Every structure is written in structure tokens, then in C-alpha cells.
N, C-alpha and C. Protein backbone atom coordinates (compact mmCIF):
# COMPACT_ATOMS: atom_id res chain seq x y z
N MET A 1 53.50 119.29 54.49
CA MET A 1 53.65 120.37 53.34
C MET A 1 53.31 119.72 52.18
N THR A 2 52.78 120.19 51.69
CA THR A 2 51.98 120.01 49.88
C THR A 2 52.64 120.54 48.80
N THR A 3 52.97 119.78 47.89
CA THR A 3 53.55 120.19 46.92
C THR A 3 52.84 120.26 45.72
N HIS A 4 52.75 121.17 44.78
CA HIS A 4 51.96 121.38 43.57
C HIS A 4 52.77 121.78 42.68
N ARG A 5 52.79 120.99 41.38
CA ARG A 5 53.37 121.55 40.34
C ARG A 5 52.66 121.26 39.37
N THR A 6 52.84 122.61 38.20
CA THR A 6 52.13 122.97 37.22
C THR A 6 52.95 123.06 36.05
N ILE A 7 53.17 122.70 35.08
CA ILE A 7 53.88 122.57 33.79
C ILE A 7 52.65 122.76 32.68
N GLY A 8 53.48 123.39 31.77
CA GLY A 8 52.65 123.70 30.73
C GLY A 8 53.22 124.71 29.69
N LEU A 9 52.99 124.60 28.28
CA LEU A 9 53.17 125.69 27.41
C LEU A 9 52.52 126.77 27.59
N PRO A 10 52.90 128.05 27.00
CA PRO A 10 52.25 129.33 27.08
C PRO A 10 50.94 129.23 26.65
N GLY A 11 49.94 129.77 27.73
CA GLY A 11 48.34 129.67 27.33
C GLY A 11 47.79 128.38 27.22
N THR A 12 48.33 128.01 28.27
CA THR A 12 47.72 126.25 28.28
C THR A 12 46.79 126.42 30.01
N GLY A 13 47.00 127.73 30.59
CA GLY A 13 46.11 127.57 31.48
C GLY A 13 46.65 127.36 33.14
N LYS A 14 48.35 127.53 33.11
CA LYS A 14 48.84 127.43 34.41
C LYS A 14 48.87 128.33 35.37
N THR A 15 48.25 129.65 35.43
CA THR A 15 47.90 130.46 36.39
C THR A 15 46.87 130.41 36.83
N THR A 16 45.95 130.03 35.52
CA THR A 16 44.50 129.38 36.20
C THR A 16 44.35 128.57 37.21
N LYS A 17 45.42 127.35 36.71
CA LYS A 17 45.13 126.42 37.89
C LYS A 17 45.82 126.52 39.03
N MET A 18 47.01 127.44 38.93
CA MET A 18 47.69 127.80 40.17
C MET A 18 46.58 128.54 41.23
N ILE A 19 45.82 129.29 40.56
CA ILE A 19 44.93 130.22 41.37
C ILE A 19 43.62 129.48 42.13
N LYS A 20 43.46 128.35 41.47
CA LYS A 20 42.48 127.20 41.62
C LYS A 20 42.85 126.57 42.96
N GLU A 21 44.29 126.12 42.63
CA GLU A 21 44.92 125.42 43.76
C GLU A 21 45.04 126.36 45.32
N ILE A 22 45.37 127.48 44.63
CA ILE A 22 45.50 128.75 46.01
C ILE A 22 44.30 128.58 46.62
N ASP A 23 43.27 128.59 45.87
CA ASP A 23 41.40 129.04 46.40
C ASP A 23 41.47 127.59 47.21
N LYS A 24 41.85 126.37 46.61
CA LYS A 24 41.52 125.26 47.65
C LYS A 24 42.34 125.40 49.43
N LEU A 25 43.41 125.87 48.92
CA LEU A 25 44.09 125.89 50.23
C LEU A 25 43.75 126.76 51.30
N LEU A 26 43.12 127.93 50.81
CA LEU A 26 42.62 129.06 51.51
C LEU A 26 41.29 128.68 51.91
N LYS A 27 40.76 127.57 51.31
CA LYS A 27 39.28 127.09 51.79
C LYS A 27 39.82 125.96 53.05
N GLU A 28 41.17 125.38 52.95
CA GLU A 28 41.48 124.82 54.01
C GLU A 28 42.18 125.51 55.18
N ASP A 29 41.77 126.76 55.05
CA ASP A 29 42.62 127.99 56.36
C ASP A 29 43.91 127.78 56.30
N VAL A 30 44.67 127.54 55.32
CA VAL A 30 46.08 127.75 54.95
C VAL A 30 46.60 129.08 54.98
N ASN A 31 47.23 129.89 55.60
CA ASN A 31 47.69 131.37 55.68
C ASN A 31 48.10 131.38 54.12
N ILE A 32 47.67 132.70 53.32
CA ILE A 32 48.59 133.17 51.85
C ILE A 32 49.87 133.04 52.08
N GLN A 33 50.55 133.76 53.41
CA GLN A 33 51.98 133.97 53.59
C GLN A 33 52.65 132.45 53.61
N ASP A 34 52.01 131.48 53.82
CA ASP A 34 52.28 130.13 54.31
C ASP A 34 52.53 129.51 52.71
N ILE A 35 51.93 130.12 51.50
CA ILE A 35 52.15 129.29 50.46
C ILE A 35 53.30 129.95 49.48
N ALA A 36 54.08 129.26 49.07
CA ALA A 36 55.33 129.57 48.06
C ALA A 36 54.94 129.39 46.81
N MET A 37 55.04 130.35 46.01
CA MET A 37 54.91 129.74 44.69
C MET A 37 56.06 130.60 43.26
N THR A 38 56.58 129.24 42.87
CA THR A 38 57.60 129.96 42.42
C THR A 38 57.43 129.55 40.83
N THR A 39 58.43 130.26 39.76
CA THR A 39 58.27 130.19 38.40
C THR A 39 59.62 130.31 37.71
N PHE A 40 59.88 130.11 36.64
CA PHE A 40 61.26 130.43 36.20
C PHE A 40 61.22 131.79 35.51
N SER A 41 60.04 132.56 35.33
CA SER A 41 60.66 133.56 34.50
C SER A 41 59.93 134.89 35.33
N ARG A 42 60.39 135.89 35.35
CA ARG A 42 60.03 137.42 36.19
C ARG A 42 58.72 137.45 35.69
N ARG A 43 58.08 137.43 34.40
CA ARG A 43 56.85 137.79 33.70
C ARG A 43 55.97 137.22 34.18
N MET A 44 56.16 135.77 34.75
CA MET A 44 55.01 134.98 35.00
C MET A 44 55.30 135.38 36.77
N ALA A 45 56.06 135.72 37.17
CA ALA A 45 55.92 135.85 38.68
C ALA A 45 55.31 137.15 38.67
N ASP A 46 55.47 138.04 38.16
CA ASP A 46 54.79 139.35 38.14
C ASP A 46 53.21 139.14 38.03
N LYS A 47 52.83 138.22 36.46
CA LYS A 47 51.39 138.05 36.58
C LYS A 47 50.83 137.20 37.68
N LEU A 48 51.46 136.23 38.17
CA LEU A 48 51.02 135.35 39.79
C LEU A 48 50.70 136.75 40.34
N SER A 49 51.64 137.52 40.62
CA SER A 49 51.69 138.37 41.85
C SER A 49 50.47 139.50 41.67
N LEU A 50 50.29 139.69 40.72
CA LEU A 50 48.89 140.64 40.50
C LEU A 50 47.66 140.22 40.09
N GLU A 51 47.70 138.95 39.87
CA GLU A 51 46.67 137.92 40.06
C GLU A 51 46.08 138.09 41.26
N ILE A 52 47.07 137.24 41.92
CA ILE A 52 46.94 137.10 43.52
C ILE A 52 46.40 138.19 44.22
N SER A 53 46.99 139.28 44.06
CA SER A 53 47.17 140.42 45.09
C SER A 53 45.55 141.27 44.64
N HIS A 54 45.20 140.95 43.34
CA HIS A 54 43.62 141.59 43.20
C HIS A 54 42.62 140.84 43.46
N ARG A 55 43.05 139.24 43.23
CA ARG A 55 42.09 138.27 43.46
C ARG A 55 41.55 138.48 45.52
N TYR A 56 42.21 138.70 46.00
CA TYR A 56 42.62 138.53 47.31
C TYR A 56 42.53 139.67 48.10
N GLU A 57 42.47 140.97 47.16
CA GLU A 57 42.70 141.97 47.99
C GLU A 57 43.67 142.43 48.90
N LEU A 58 45.05 141.63 48.04
CA LEU A 58 46.34 142.13 49.34
C LEU A 58 47.28 142.99 48.77
N ASP A 59 48.23 143.57 49.13
CA ASP A 59 49.32 144.45 48.92
C ASP A 59 50.15 143.64 47.91
N TYR A 60 50.49 144.25 46.87
CA TYR A 60 51.34 143.70 46.27
C TYR A 60 52.79 143.45 46.52
N GLU A 61 53.28 144.37 47.51
CA GLU A 61 54.32 144.16 48.17
C GLU A 61 54.83 143.17 48.93
N ASP A 62 52.91 142.39 49.57
CA ASP A 62 53.34 141.82 51.07
C ASP A 62 53.47 140.44 50.13
N LEU A 63 53.37 140.26 49.04
CA LEU A 63 53.40 138.89 48.48
C LEU A 63 55.26 138.33 48.27
N TYR A 64 55.97 138.42 49.18
CA TYR A 64 57.26 138.24 49.18
C TYR A 64 57.24 136.47 48.82
N ASN A 65 56.65 135.65 48.84
CA ASN A 65 56.72 134.28 48.41
C ASN A 65 56.07 133.99 47.30
N VAL A 66 56.02 135.10 46.46
CA VAL A 66 55.84 134.81 45.06
C VAL A 66 56.85 135.41 44.23
N GLY A 67 57.52 134.52 43.35
CA GLY A 67 58.48 134.88 42.50
C GLY A 67 59.21 133.86 41.77
N THR A 68 60.52 134.11 41.11
CA THR A 68 61.42 133.20 40.40
C THR A 68 61.62 132.42 41.54
N ILE A 69 62.41 131.29 41.20
CA ILE A 69 63.41 130.35 42.28
C ILE A 69 64.59 131.49 42.68
N HIS A 70 65.01 132.19 41.93
CA HIS A 70 66.28 132.66 41.89
C HIS A 70 66.26 133.91 42.82
N GLY A 71 64.94 134.39 42.75
CA GLY A 71 64.58 135.99 43.07
C GLY A 71 63.85 135.69 44.81
N LEU A 72 63.29 134.41 44.89
CA LEU A 72 62.95 133.66 46.45
C LEU A 72 64.21 133.57 46.96
N CYS A 73 65.44 133.05 46.37
CA CYS A 73 66.39 133.04 47.12
C CYS A 73 67.15 134.06 47.54
N ARG A 74 67.21 135.19 46.56
CA ARG A 74 68.03 136.49 46.98
C ARG A 74 67.20 137.11 47.99
N ARG A 75 65.63 137.19 47.99
CA ARG A 75 65.02 138.19 48.84
C ARG A 75 65.28 137.12 50.25
N GLN A 76 65.43 136.11 50.38
CA GLN A 76 65.52 135.37 51.61
C GLN A 76 67.03 135.94 52.13
N LEU A 77 67.76 135.89 51.77
CA LEU A 77 69.29 136.14 51.77
C LEU A 77 69.56 137.61 52.23
N ASN A 78 68.39 138.38 51.62
CA ASN A 78 68.65 140.29 51.56
C ASN A 78 67.31 140.52 52.67
N VAL A 79 66.60 140.12 53.31
CA VAL A 79 65.66 140.15 54.32
C VAL A 79 65.95 141.05 55.52
N ASP A 80 65.24 141.57 56.12
CA ASP A 80 65.69 142.04 57.49
C ASP A 80 65.08 140.84 58.19
N ILE A 81 66.13 140.13 59.11
CA ILE A 81 65.38 139.05 59.61
C ILE A 81 64.87 139.43 61.01
N LYS A 82 65.16 140.49 61.57
CA LYS A 82 64.39 140.92 63.25
C LYS A 82 63.41 141.23 62.74
N ARG A 83 62.98 142.34 61.38
CA ARG A 83 61.80 143.05 61.10
C ARG A 83 61.05 141.55 60.90
N LEU A 84 61.05 140.71 60.10
CA LEU A 84 60.32 139.84 59.74
C LEU A 84 60.05 138.61 60.58
N SER A 85 60.93 138.30 61.88
CA SER A 85 60.95 137.36 62.83
C SER A 85 59.75 137.94 63.63
N ASP A 86 59.69 139.17 63.84
CA ASP A 86 58.65 140.09 64.89
C ASP A 86 57.51 140.52 64.30
N ASN A 87 57.31 140.28 63.14
CA ASN A 87 56.35 140.85 62.52
C ASN A 87 54.84 140.00 63.11
N PRO A 88 53.82 140.89 63.59
CA PRO A 88 52.85 139.86 63.75
C PRO A 88 51.76 139.61 62.66
N LYS A 89 52.23 140.30 61.51
CA LYS A 89 51.09 140.09 60.19
C LYS A 89 52.04 138.60 59.71
N ASN A 90 52.91 138.23 59.87
CA ASN A 90 53.46 136.65 59.49
C ASN A 90 53.05 135.98 60.56
N SER A 91 52.73 134.76 59.50
CA SER A 91 52.15 133.46 60.15
C SER A 91 53.22 132.93 61.33
N PRO A 92 52.79 132.37 62.43
CA PRO A 92 53.71 132.11 63.30
C PRO A 92 54.97 130.61 62.72
N HIS A 93 54.30 130.10 61.71
CA HIS A 93 55.33 129.14 61.30
C HIS A 93 56.25 129.85 60.54
N ILE A 94 56.13 131.03 59.67
CA ILE A 94 57.07 132.23 59.32
C ILE A 94 58.07 132.41 60.31
N ARG A 95 57.52 132.95 61.20
CA ARG A 95 57.80 133.80 62.41
C ARG A 95 59.07 132.89 62.60
N ALA A 96 58.70 131.61 62.86
CA ALA A 96 59.59 130.76 63.77
C ALA A 96 60.87 130.44 62.61
N LEU A 97 60.58 130.29 61.52
CA LEU A 97 61.49 129.98 60.60
C LEU A 97 62.65 131.15 60.63
N PHE A 98 62.11 132.38 60.61
CA PHE A 98 63.21 133.17 60.96
C PHE A 98 63.90 133.50 61.95
N HIS A 99 63.13 132.97 62.98
CA HIS A 99 64.17 133.08 64.24
C HIS A 99 64.92 131.85 64.23
N GLU A 100 64.84 130.74 63.53
CA GLU A 100 65.91 129.68 63.13
C GLU A 100 66.94 130.53 62.61
N PHE A 101 66.31 131.02 61.22
CA PHE A 101 67.60 131.37 60.33
C PHE A 101 68.45 132.42 61.31
N GLN A 102 67.63 133.47 62.17
CA GLN A 102 68.51 134.36 63.01
C GLN A 102 69.50 133.64 63.87
N ASP A 103 69.11 132.59 64.60
CA ASP A 103 69.88 131.97 65.67
C ASP A 103 71.06 130.88 65.00
N PHE A 104 70.53 130.83 63.40
CA PHE A 104 71.72 130.01 62.83
C PHE A 104 72.59 131.02 62.54
N SER A 105 72.26 132.38 61.90
CA SER A 105 73.41 133.37 61.42
C SER A 105 74.15 133.74 62.33
N GLU A 106 73.66 134.03 63.53
CA GLU A 106 74.15 134.49 64.74
C GLU A 106 75.63 133.77 65.06
N LYS A 107 75.48 132.29 64.48
CA LYS A 107 76.46 131.25 65.23
C LYS A 107 77.51 131.20 64.55
N ILE A 108 77.25 131.81 62.89
CA ILE A 108 78.22 131.65 61.90
C ILE A 108 79.30 132.87 61.99
């Protein structure tokens, strides 16, 4: 797992840098659904989601791995685990993660 951290003031090119990092990862055959992008503000999360959806011709709603840190956590807790774990559109890693979470949540 690789972590990239982008920090800067408004207008310094954070979104551009993040898009360039995504380009590099996609050239290395990393699935877009395996890339999580977090930010502190909803405005930045929306901007990033729109940029990514337009650039890579993706559905805005399919970018559930882009958002604020709190939003991503909330979505993880509120998702339909069965639907996501069985969805063939998701990468094997994501499906395995949801299966593990489903198994764990059934034990509690």
C-alpha cells in the first residue's frame, strides 16, 4: 500500500497534484476503486470527485472512495455490505474487505 500526502494553501495546485498521482497509479494498472482520496472539506471532496469523474469518464456516484475523512467513515458504516461484497464491478480486494467486514459484523 502506498500513501501520498498533499498539503498546501488554497490555489497551490493540490487537486492537480492529486490527479497526477492518480494518473501514475492508473498507468501502473491500479484500479480506480482501490484508490481512496480523503480531504478535510466537503468542497474539496466534491471538486476532486468532479475532476476525477470527468477526467476518467466515471459516474460521480461510483466514486464512494473520494470524500472527507468523516464522510468516508460514515459511508463505510452505512453501506449495504452484501450488495458491495457481491458486486462484480468492485475489485477483488474491495469485495474481500467487505466480506471480512460482513463476517466480523455477524459475530458481534
